Every structure is written in structure tokens, then in C-alpha cells.
Amino acid sequence: MGNILGWLIADIYLWTLSWCCGLGGIIGLAGFFWGYSVSKGMTVAPRDYWRLPDYEVFKKKLVYANSIMGSVTATASIVLCVIKTIIES
């Protein structure tokens, strides 16, 4: 919960910079939820469920979801800023 709250605070800050960055943050938040839902099959091996504590498995999934969110936010912000620049010129 704290992780999502932190990303929402960062998104509010991005809205103060530009609407492109703010909208990229919202798209990135959707990427976070998608990344967390697919992280079970992408980063966690079946043996990790019986070998590692639950917190370690959760941490692996959270790191994967955060990396997806960061990359989606950056990509979406750049694409939206390029589109904005093209439209304005």
C-alpha cells in the first residue's frame, strides 16, 4: 500500500511539471498493476514458494512491478511529450 501511495505522490509531482509527465504516470500506474499480476510467472520460480519466506517472494514481485512501472512511465511520458511537440509546432 505504501508503494502505491509513493507512486501516487510522485505522479502528483509529475502533474506539476507537465500534463505529459502526469498522464505518463497514470499509464505507468496501470503498468504497475499489470506487472504485479504477471510477475508470478515471470520472476518467481515454483521452488521459491517453498524455499523462500513469503516476504521474499512478495519483494521479488514488487521489484518486478516497480521496474515495469518506471519503464512504462518514462516511455509514455516521452511519447506524449513528442506528440505534444509535434501538435504544437
PDB file of N, CA and C in Angstrom:
ATOM      1  N   MET A   1       0.820  -1.187   0.000  1.00  0.00           N
ATOM      2  CA  MET A   1       0.000   0.000   0.000  1.00  0.00           C
ATOM      3  C   MET A   1       0.866   1.254   0.000  1.00  0.00           C
ATOM      4  N   GLY A   2       1.936   1.225   0.773  1.00  0.00           N
ATOM      5  CA  GLY A   2       2.832   2.375   0.822  1.00  0.00           C
ATOM      6  C   GLY A   2       3.523   2.614  -0.512  1.00  0.00           C
ATOM      7  N   ASN A   3       3.798   1.531  -1.234  1.00  0.00           N
ATOM      8  CA  ASN A   3       4.432   1.651  -2.533  1.00  0.00           C
ATOM      9  C   ASN A   3       3.517   2.380  -3.519  1.00  0.00           C
ATOM     10  N   ILE A   4       2.259   2.010  -3.538  1.00  0.00           N
ATOM     11  CA  ILE A   4       1.301   2.660  -4.433  1.00  0.00           C
ATOM     12  C   ILE A   4       1.102   4.116  -4.028  1.00  0.00           C
ATOM     13  N   LEU A   5       1.046   4.378  -2.740  1.00  0.00           N
ATOM     14  CA  LEU A   5       0.920   5.755  -2.261  1.00  0.00           C
ATOM     15  C   LEU A   5       2.131   6.592  -2.680  1.00  0.00           C
ATOM     16  N   GLY A   6       3.306   6.024  -2.597  1.00  0.00           N
ATOM     17  CA  GLY A   6       4.508   6.723  -3.043  1.00  0.00           C
ATOM     18  C   GLY A   6       4.479   7.052  -4.524  1.00  0.00           C
ATOM     19  N   TRP A   7       4.007   6.104  -5.326  1.00  0.00           N
ATOM     20  CA  TRP A   7       3.895   6.365  -6.759  1.00  0.00           C
ATOM     21  C   TRP A   7       2.829   7.416  -7.059  1.00  0.00           C
ATOM     22  N   LEU A   8       1.738   7.429  -6.288  1.00  0.00           N
ATOM     23  CA  LEU A   8       0.721   8.460  -6.494  1.00  0.00           C
ATOM     24  C   LEU A   8       1.256   9.847  -6.141  1.00  0.00           C
ATOM     25  N   ILE A   9       2.045   9.937  -5.087  1.00  0.00           N
ATOM     26  CA  ILE A   9       2.661  11.221  -4.731  1.00  0.00           C
ATOM     27  C   ILE A   9       3.623  11.658  -5.829  1.00  0.00           C
ATOM     28  N   ALA A  10       4.389  10.728  -6.362  1.00  0.00           N
ATOM     29  CA  ALA A  10       5.295  11.057  -7.471  1.00  0.00           C
ATOM     30  C   ALA A  10       4.505  11.508  -8.694  1.00  0.00           C
ATOM     31  N   ASP A  11       3.348  10.883  -8.935  1.00  0.00           N
ATOM     32  CA  ASP A  11       2.522  11.272 -10.083  1.00  0.00           C
ATOM     33  C   ASP A  11       1.949  12.670  -9.898  1.00  0.00           C
ATOM     34  N   ILE A  12       1.575  13.009  -8.687  1.00  0.00           N
ATOM     35  CA  ILE A  12       1.086  14.377  -8.426  1.00  0.00           C
ATOM     36  C   ILE A  12       2.196  15.385  -8.731  1.00  0.00           C
ATOM     37  N   TYR A  13       3.421  15.048  -8.348  1.00  0.00           N
ATOM     38  CA  TYR A  13       4.546  15.925  -8.673  1.00  0.00           C
ATOM     39  C   TYR A  13       4.747  16.010 -10.185  1.00  0.00           C
ATOM     40  N   LEU A  14       4.595  14.894 -10.890  1.00  0.00           N
ATOM     41  CA  LEU A  14       4.750  14.917 -12.348  1.00  0.00           C
ATOM     42  C   LEU A  14       3.705  15.801 -13.017  1.00  0.00           C
ATOM     43  N   TRP A  15       2.495  15.855 -12.443  1.00  0.00           N
ATOM     44  CA  TRP A  15       1.462  16.745 -12.997  1.00  0.00           C
ATOM     45  C   TRP A  15       1.874  18.204 -12.871  1.00  0.00           C
ATOM     46  N   THR A  16       2.669  18.544 -11.845  1.00  0.00           N
ATOM     47  CA  THR A  16       3.118  19.933 -11.711  1.00  0.00           C
ATOM     48  C   THR A  16       4.160  20.282 -12.767  1.00  0.00           C
ATOM     49  N   LEU A  17       4.861  19.283 -13.276  1.00  0.00           N
ATOM     50  CA  LEU A  17       5.856  19.535 -14.318  1.00  0.00           C
ATOM     51  C   LEU A  17       5.200  19.725 -15.681  1.00  0.00           C
ATOM     52  N   SER A  18       4.335  18.803 -16.048  1.00  0.00           N
ATOM     53  CA  SER A  18       3.685  18.845 -17.355  1.00  0.00           C
ATOM     54  C   SER A  18       2.553  17.831 -17.368  1.00  0.00           C
ATOM     55  N   TRP A  19       1.557  18.102 -18.202  1.00  0.00           N
ATOM     56  CA  TRP A  19       0.468  17.132 -18.297  1.00  0.00           C
ATOM     57  C   TRP A  19       0.950  15.855 -18.977  1.00  0.00           C
ATOM     58  N   CYS A  20       1.970  15.968 -19.823  1.00  0.00           N
ATOM     59  CA  CYS A  20       2.528  14.775 -20.476  1.00  0.00           C
ATOM     60  C   CYS A  20       3.118  13.821 -19.444  1.00  0.00           C
ATOM     61  N   CYS A  21       3.886  14.376 -18.537  1.00  0.00           N
ATOM     62  CA  CYS A  21       4.507  13.543 -17.494  1.00  0.00           C
ATOM     63  C   CYS A  21       3.449  12.978 -16.547  1.00  0.00           C
ATOM     64  N   GLY A  22       2.450  13.780 -16.206  1.00  0.00           N
ATOM     65  CA  GLY A  22       1.393  13.321 -15.313  1.00  0.00           C
ATOM     66  C   GLY A  22       0.581  12.190 -15.911  1.00  0.00           C
ATOM     67  N   LEU A  23       0.229  12.339 -17.182  1.00  0.00           N
ATOM     68  CA  LEU A  23      -0.517  11.282 -17.852  1.00  0.00           C
ATOM     69  C   LEU A  23       0.351  10.035 -18.016  1.00  0.00           C
ATOM     70  N   GLY A  24       1.644  10.243 -18.267  1.00  0.00           N
ATOM     71  CA  GLY A  24       2.568   9.106 -18.319  1.00  0.00           C
ATOM     72  C   GLY A  24       2.626   8.366 -16.993  1.00  0.00           C
ATOM     73  N   GLY A  25       2.512   9.109 -15.880  1.00  0.00           N
ATOM     74  CA  GLY A  25       2.488   8.482 -14.560  1.00  0.00           C
ATOM     75  C   GLY A  25       1.243   7.638 -14.335  1.00  0.00           C
ATOM     76  N   ILE A  26       0.119   8.107 -14.837  1.00  0.00           N
ATOM     77  CA  ILE A  26      -1.119   7.329 -14.705  1.00  0.00           C
ATOM     78  C   ILE A  26      -1.035   6.051 -15.539  1.00  0.00           C
ATOM     79  N   ILE A  27      -0.497   6.175 -16.744  1.00  0.00           N
ATOM     80  CA  ILE A  27      -0.307   4.988 -17.580  1.00  0.00           C
ATOM     81  C   ILE A  27       0.681   4.036 -16.909  1.00  0.00           C
ATOM     82  N   GLY A  28       1.709   4.602 -16.286  1.00  0.00           N
ATOM     83  CA  GLY A  28       2.675   3.782 -15.554  1.00  0.00           C
ATOM     84  C   GLY A  28       2.059   3.065 -14.370  1.00  0.00           C
ATOM     85  N   LEU A  29       1.112   3.710 -13.694  1.00  0.00           N
ATOM     86  CA  LEU A  29       0.427   3.059 -12.579  1.00  0.00           C
ATOM     87  C   LEU A  29      -0.367   1.849 -13.062  1.00  0.00           C
ATOM     88  N   ALA A  30      -0.981   1.965 -14.225  1.00  0.00           N
ATOM     89  CA  ALA A  30      -1.656   0.809 -14.816  1.00  0.00           C
ATOM     90  C   ALA A  30      -0.625  -0.276 -15.134  1.00  0.00           C
ATOM     91  N   GLY A  31       0.558   0.146 -15.584  1.00  0.00           N
ATOM     92  CA  GLY A  31       1.641  -0.803 -15.846  1.00  0.00           C
ATOM     93  C   GLY A  31       2.110  -1.505 -14.579  1.00  0.00           C
ATOM     94  N   PHE A  32       2.067  -0.790 -13.444  1.00  0.00           N
ATOM     95  CA  PHE A  32       2.432  -1.407 -12.168  1.00  0.00           C
ATOM     96  C   PHE A  32       1.490  -2.562 -11.843  1.00  0.00           C
ATOM     97  N   PHE A  33       0.187  -2.324 -11.962  1.00  0.00           N
ATOM     98  CA  PHE A  33      -0.770  -3.379 -11.644  1.00  0.00           C
ATOM     99  C   PHE A  33      -0.646  -4.547 -12.614  1.00  0.00           C
ATOM    100  N   TRP A  34      -0.410  -4.245 -13.882  1.00  0.00           N
ATOM    101  CA  TRP A  34      -0.209  -5.311 -14.855  1.00  0.00           C
ATOM    102  C   TRP A  34       1.071  -6.083 -14.539  1.00  0.00           C
ATOM    103  N   GLY A  35       2.148  -5.362 -14.238  1.00  0.00           N
ATOM    104  CA  GLY A  35       3.414  -6.005 -13.916  1.00  0.00           C
ATOM    105  C   GLY A  35       3.320  -6.890 -12.687  1.00  0.00           C
ATOM    106  N   TYR A  36       2.574  -6.444 -11.680  1.00  0.00           N
ATOM    107  CA  TYR A  36       2.417  -7.257 -10.476  1.00  0.00           C
ATOM    108  C   TYR A  36       1.615  -8.521 -10.775  1.00  0.00           C
ATOM    109  N   SER A  37       0.615  -8.389 -11.651  1.00  0.00           N
ATOM    110  CA  SER A  37      -0.208  -9.565 -11.937  1.00  0.00           C
ATOM    111  C   SER A  37       0.546 -10.612 -12.757  1.00  0.00           C
ATOM    112  N   VAL A  38       1.480 -10.194 -13.620  1.00  0.00           N
ATOM    113  CA  VAL A  38       2.224 -11.177 -14.413  1.00  0.00           C
ATOM    114  C   VAL A  38       3.545 -11.565 -13.765  1.00  0.00           C
ATOM    115  N   SER A  39       3.902 -10.936 -12.650  1.00  0.00           N
ATOM    116  CA  SER A  39       5.198 -11.220 -12.033  1.00  0.00           C
ATOM    117  C   SER A  39       5.302 -12.637 -11.490  1.00  0.00           C
ATOM    118  N   LYS A  40       4.192 -13.254 -11.194  1.00  0.00           N
ATOM    119  CA  LYS A  40       4.225 -14.622 -10.668  1.00  0.00           C
ATOM    120  C   LYS A  40       4.863 -15.568 -11.675  1.00  0.00           C
ATOM    121  N   GLY A  41       4.514 -15.417 -12.919  1.00  0.00           N
ATOM    122  CA  GLY A  41       5.068 -16.290 -13.944  1.00  0.00           C
ATOM    123  C   GLY A  41       6.394 -15.824 -14.505  1.00  0.00           C
ATOM    124  N   MET A  42       6.739 -14.563 -14.268  1.00  0.00           N
ATOM    125  CA  MET A  42       7.946 -14.018 -14.879  1.00  0.00           C
ATOM    126  C   MET A  42       9.170 -14.088 -13.974  1.00  0.00           C
ATOM    127  N   THR A  43       9.011 -13.842 -12.691  1.00  0.00           N
ATOM    128  CA  THR A  43      10.185 -13.723 -11.824  1.00  0.00           C
ATOM    129  C   THR A  43      10.245 -14.756 -10.712  1.00  0.00           C
ATOM    130  N   VAL A  44       9.141 -15.351 -10.379  1.00  0.00           N
ATOM    131  CA  VAL A  44       9.106 -16.265  -9.236  1.00  0.00           C
ATOM    132  C   VAL A  44       9.067 -17.698  -9.747  1.00  0.00           C
ATOM    133  N   ALA A  45      10.106 -18.436  -9.414  1.00  0.00           N
ATOM    134  CA  ALA A  45      10.152 -19.850  -9.787  1.00  0.00           C
ATOM    135  C   ALA A  45       9.271 -20.646  -8.821  1.00  0.00           C
ATOM    136  N   PRO A  46       8.725 -21.770  -9.271  1.00  0.00           N
ATOM    137  CA  PRO A  46       7.886 -22.565  -8.371  1.00  0.00           C
ATOM    138  C   PRO A  46       8.603 -22.996  -7.087  1.00  0.00           C
ATOM    139  N   ARG A  47       9.900 -23.236  -7.179  1.00  0.00           N
ATOM    140  CA  ARG A  47      10.632 -23.650  -5.974  1.00  0.00           C
ATOM    141  C   ARG A  47      10.751 -22.516  -4.966  1.00  0.00           C
ATOM    142  N   ASP A  48      10.630 -21.250  -5.420  1.00  0.00           N
ATOM    143  CA  ASP A  48      10.726 -20.123  -4.497  1.00  0.00           C
ATOM    144  C   ASP A  48       9.586 -20.115  -3.483  1.00  0.00           C
ATOM    145  N   TYR A  49       8.441 -20.682  -3.864  1.00  0.00           N
ATOM    146  CA  TYR A  49       7.292 -20.682  -2.957  1.00  0.00           C
ATOM    147  C   TYR A  49       7.531 -21.574  -1.739  1.00  0.00           C
ATOM    148  N   TRP A  50       8.313 -22.626  -1.879  1.00  0.00           N
ATOM    149  CA  TRP A  50       8.561 -23.470  -0.715  1.00  0.00           C
ATOM    150  C   TRP A  50       9.947 -23.253  -0.127  1.00  0.00           C
ATOM    151  N   ARG A  51      10.847 -22.578  -0.876  1.00  0.00           N
ATOM    152  CA  ARG A  51      12.199 -22.347  -0.394  1.00  0.00           C
ATOM    153  C   ARG A  51      12.375 -21.005   0.313  1.00  0.00           C
ATOM    154  N   LEU A  52      11.691 -19.981  -0.161  1.00  0.00           N
ATOM    155  CA  LEU A  52      11.841 -18.628   0.386  1.00  0.00           C
ATOM    156  C   LEU A  52      10.655 -18.264   1.277  1.00  0.00           C
ATOM    157  N   PRO A  53      10.883 -17.364   2.219  1.00  0.00           N
ATOM    158  CA  PRO A  53       9.744 -16.863   3.006  1.00  0.00           C
ATOM    159  C   PRO A  53       8.789 -16.069   2.116  1.00  0.00           C
ATOM    160  N   ASP A  54       7.552 -15.937   2.582  1.00  0.00           N
ATOM    161  CA  ASP A  54       6.543 -15.228   1.794  1.00  0.00           C
ATOM    162  C   ASP A  54       6.953 -13.789   1.489  1.00  0.00           C
ATOM    163  N   TYR A  55       7.633 -13.166   2.437  1.00  0.00           N
ATOM    164  CA  TYR A  55       8.038 -11.778   2.218  1.00  0.00           C
ATOM    165  C   TYR A  55       9.038 -11.661   1.068  1.00  0.00           C
ATOM    166  N   GLU A  56       9.949 -12.615   0.938  1.00  0.00           N
ATOM    167  CA  GLU A  56      10.935 -12.577  -0.145  1.00  0.00           C
ATOM    168  C   GLU A  56      10.254 -12.749  -1.509  1.00  0.00           C
ATOM    169  N   VAL A  57       9.265 -13.612  -1.584  1.00  0.00           N
ATOM    170  CA  VAL A  57       8.509 -13.782  -2.827  1.00  0.00           C
ATOM    171  C   VAL A  57       7.759 -12.497  -3.146  1.00  0.00           C
ATOM    172  N   PHE A  58       7.127 -11.898  -2.152  1.00  0.00           N
ATOM    173  CA  PHE A  58       6.415 -10.635  -2.344  1.00  0.00           C
ATOM    174  C   PHE A  58       7.372  -9.548  -2.807  1.00  0.00           C
ATOM    175  N   LYS A  59       8.566  -9.507  -2.221  1.00  0.00           N
ATOM    176  CA  LYS A  59       9.550  -8.484  -2.579  1.00  0.00           C
ATOM    177  C   LYS A  59      10.000  -8.652  -4.030  1.00  0.00           C
ATOM    178  N   LYS A  60      10.178  -9.888  -4.484  1.00  0.00           N
ATOM    179  CA  LYS A  60      10.539 -10.136  -5.880  1.00  0.00           C
ATOM    180  C   LYS A  60       9.456  -9.626  -6.821  1.00  0.00           C
ATOM    181  N   LYS A  61       8.211  -9.903  -6.471  1.00  0.00           N
ATOM    182  CA  LYS A  61       7.099  -9.456  -7.309  1.00  0.00           C
ATOM    183  C   LYS A  61       7.000  -7.934  -7.326  1.00  0.00           C
ATOM    184  N   LEU A  62       7.249  -7.306  -6.186  1.00  0.00           N
ATOM    185  CA  LEU A  62       7.172  -5.853  -6.080  1.00  0.00           C
ATOM    186  C   LEU A  62       8.293  -5.177  -6.874  1.00  0.00           C
ATOM    187  N   VAL A  63       9.484  -5.726  -6.826  1.00  0.00           N
ATOM    188  CA  VAL A  63      10.596  -5.163  -7.597  1.00  0.00           C
ATOM    189  C   VAL A  63      10.296  -5.249  -9.090  1.00  0.00           C
ATOM    190  N   TYR A  64       9.745  -6.362  -9.529  1.00  0.00           N
ATOM    191  CA  TYR A  64       9.391  -6.520 -10.941  1.00  0.00           C
ATOM    192  C   TYR A  64       8.320  -5.512 -11.344  1.00  0.00           C
ATOM    193  N   ALA A  65       7.291  -5.358 -10.522  1.00  0.00           N
ATOM    194  CA  ALA A  65       6.213  -4.413 -10.835  1.00  0.00           C
ATOM    195  C   ALA A  65       6.725  -2.973 -10.848  1.00  0.00           C
ATOM    196  N   ASN A  66       7.622  -2.625  -9.936  1.00  0.00           N
ATOM    197  CA  ASN A  66       8.187  -1.275  -9.914  1.00  0.00           C
ATOM    198  C   ASN A  66       9.040  -1.005 -11.147  1.00  0.00           C
ATOM    199  N   SER A  67       9.787  -1.994 -11.598  1.00  0.00           N
ATOM    200  CA  SER A  67      10.592  -1.779 -12.801  1.00  0.00           C
ATOM    201  C   SER A  67       9.712  -1.612 -14.030  1.00  0.00           C
ATOM    202  N   ILE A  68       8.621  -2.357 -14.092  1.00  0.00           N
ATOM    203  CA  ILE A  68       7.673  -2.182 -15.196  1.00  0.00           C
ATOM    204  C   ILE A  68       7.068  -0.792 -15.140  1.00  0.00           C
ATOM    205  N   MET A  69       6.676  -0.349 -13.958  1.00  0.00           N
ATOM    206  CA  MET A  69       6.068   0.979 -13.838  1.00  0.00           C
ATOM    207  C   MET A  69       7.043   2.076 -14.233  1.00  0.00           C
ATOM    208  N   GLY A  70       8.268   1.985 -13.793  1.00  0.00           N
ATOM    209  CA  GLY A  70       9.244   3.006 -14.142  1.00  0.00           C
ATOM    210  C   GLY A  70       9.481   3.097 -15.632  1.00  0.00           C
ATOM    211  N   SER A  71       9.617   1.956 -16.277  1.00  0.00           N
ATOM    212  CA  SER A  71       9.870   1.971 -17.713  1.00  0.00           C
ATOM    213  C   SER A  71       8.641   2.416 -18.502  1.00  0.00           C
ATOM    214  N   VAL A  72       7.454   2.009 -18.069  1.00  0.00           N
ATOM    215  CA  VAL A  72       6.234   2.442 -18.762  1.00  0.00           C
ATOM    216  C   VAL A  72       6.009   3.938 -18.570  1.00  0.00           C
ATOM    217  N   THR A  73       6.257   4.449 -17.371  1.00  0.00           N
ATOM    218  CA  THR A  73       6.101   5.880 -17.113  1.00  0.00           C
ATOM    219  C   THR A  73       7.059   6.691 -17.975  1.00  0.00           C
ATOM    220  N   ALA A  74       8.302   6.290 -18.019  1.00  0.00           N
ATOM    221  CA  ALA A  74       9.284   7.022 -18.815  1.00  0.00           C
ATOM    222  C   ALA A  74       8.941   6.980 -20.302  1.00  0.00           C
ATOM    223  N   THR A  75       8.595   5.808 -20.792  1.00  0.00           N
ATOM    224  CA  THR A  75       8.268   5.671 -22.213  1.00  0.00           C
ATOM    225  C   THR A  75       7.020   6.458 -22.571  1.00  0.00           C
ATOM    226  N   ALA A  76       5.970   6.346 -21.766  1.00  0.00           N
ATOM    227  CA  ALA A  76       4.730   7.058 -22.057  1.00  0.00           C
ATOM    228  C   ALA A  76       4.930   8.565 -21.981  1.00  0.00           C
ATOM    229  N   SER A  77       5.705   9.038 -21.021  1.00  0.00           N
ATOM    230  CA  SER A  77       5.955  10.474 -20.904  1.00  0.00           C
ATOM    231  C   SER A  77       6.708  11.006 -22.111  1.00  0.00           C
ATOM    232  N   ILE A  78       7.713  10.279 -22.557  1.00  0.00           N
ATOM    233  CA  ILE A  78       8.482  10.709 -23.729  1.00  0.00           C
ATOM    234  C   ILE A  78       7.606  10.718 -24.971  1.00  0.00           C
ATOM    235  N   VAL A  79       6.818   9.667 -25.168  1.00  0.00           N
ATOM    236  CA  VAL A  79       5.951   9.598 -26.340  1.00  0.00           C
ATOM    237  C   VAL A  79       4.919  10.728 -26.315  1.00  0.00           C
ATOM    238  N   LEU A  80       4.316  10.976 -25.165  1.00  0.00           N
ATOM    239  CA  LEU A  80       3.321  12.050 -25.078  1.00  0.00           C
ATOM    240  C   LEU A  80       3.947  13.425 -25.287  1.00  0.00           C
ATOM    241  N   CYS A  81       5.148  13.644 -24.778  1.00  0.00           N
ATOM    242  CA  CYS A  81       5.823  14.931 -24.989  1.00  0.00           C
ATOM    243  C   CYS A  81       6.195  15.133 -26.455  1.00  0.00           C
ATOM    244  N   VAL A  82       6.595  14.060 -27.134  1.00  0.00           N
ATOM    245  CA  VAL A  82       6.890  14.161 -28.565  1.00  0.00           C
ATOM    246  C   VAL A  82       5.625  14.478 -29.346  1.00  0.00           C
ATOM    247  N   ILE A  83       4.527  13.808 -29.013  1.00  0.00           N
ATOM    248  CA  ILE A  83       3.251  14.089 -29.683  1.00  0.00           C
ATOM    249  C   ILE A  83       2.818  15.524 -29.423  1.00  0.00           C
ATOM    250  N   LYS A  84       2.968  16.000 -28.198  1.00  0.00           N
ATOM    251  CA  LYS A  84       2.625  17.382 -27.852  1.00  0.00           C
ATOM    252  C   LYS A  84       3.462  18.368 -28.657  1.00  0.00           C
ATOM    253  N   THR A  85       4.757  18.085 -28.779  1.00  0.00           N
ATOM    254  CA  THR A  85       5.648  18.961 -29.549  1.00  0.00           C
ATOM    255  C   THR A  85       5.270  18.991 -31.016  1.00  0.00           C
ATOM    256  N   ILE A  86       4.915  17.845 -31.574  1.00  0.00           N
ATOM    257  CA  ILE A  86       4.516  17.781 -32.984  1.00  0.00           C
ATOM    258  C   ILE A  86       3.229  18.557 -33.217  1.00  0.00           C
ATOM    259  N   ILE A  87       2.273  18.409 -32.311  1.00  0.00           N
ATOM    260  CA  ILE A  87       0.981  19.103 -32.466  1.00  0.00           C
ATOM    261  C   ILE A  87       1.151  20.608 -32.330  1.00  0.00           C
ATOM    262  N   GLU A  88       1.991  21.054 -31.403  1.00  0.00           N
ATOM    263  CA  GLU A  88       2.153  22.481 -31.162  1.00  0.00           C
ATOM    264  C   GLU A  88       2.955  23.194 -32.239  1.00  0.00           C
ATOM    265  N   SER A  89       3.759  22.460 -32.997  1.00  0.00           N
ATOM    266  CA  SER A  89       4.579  23.146 -33.992  1.00  0.00           C
ATOM    267  C   SER A  89       3.954  23.177 -35.353  1.00  0.00           C
TER     268      SER A  89
END
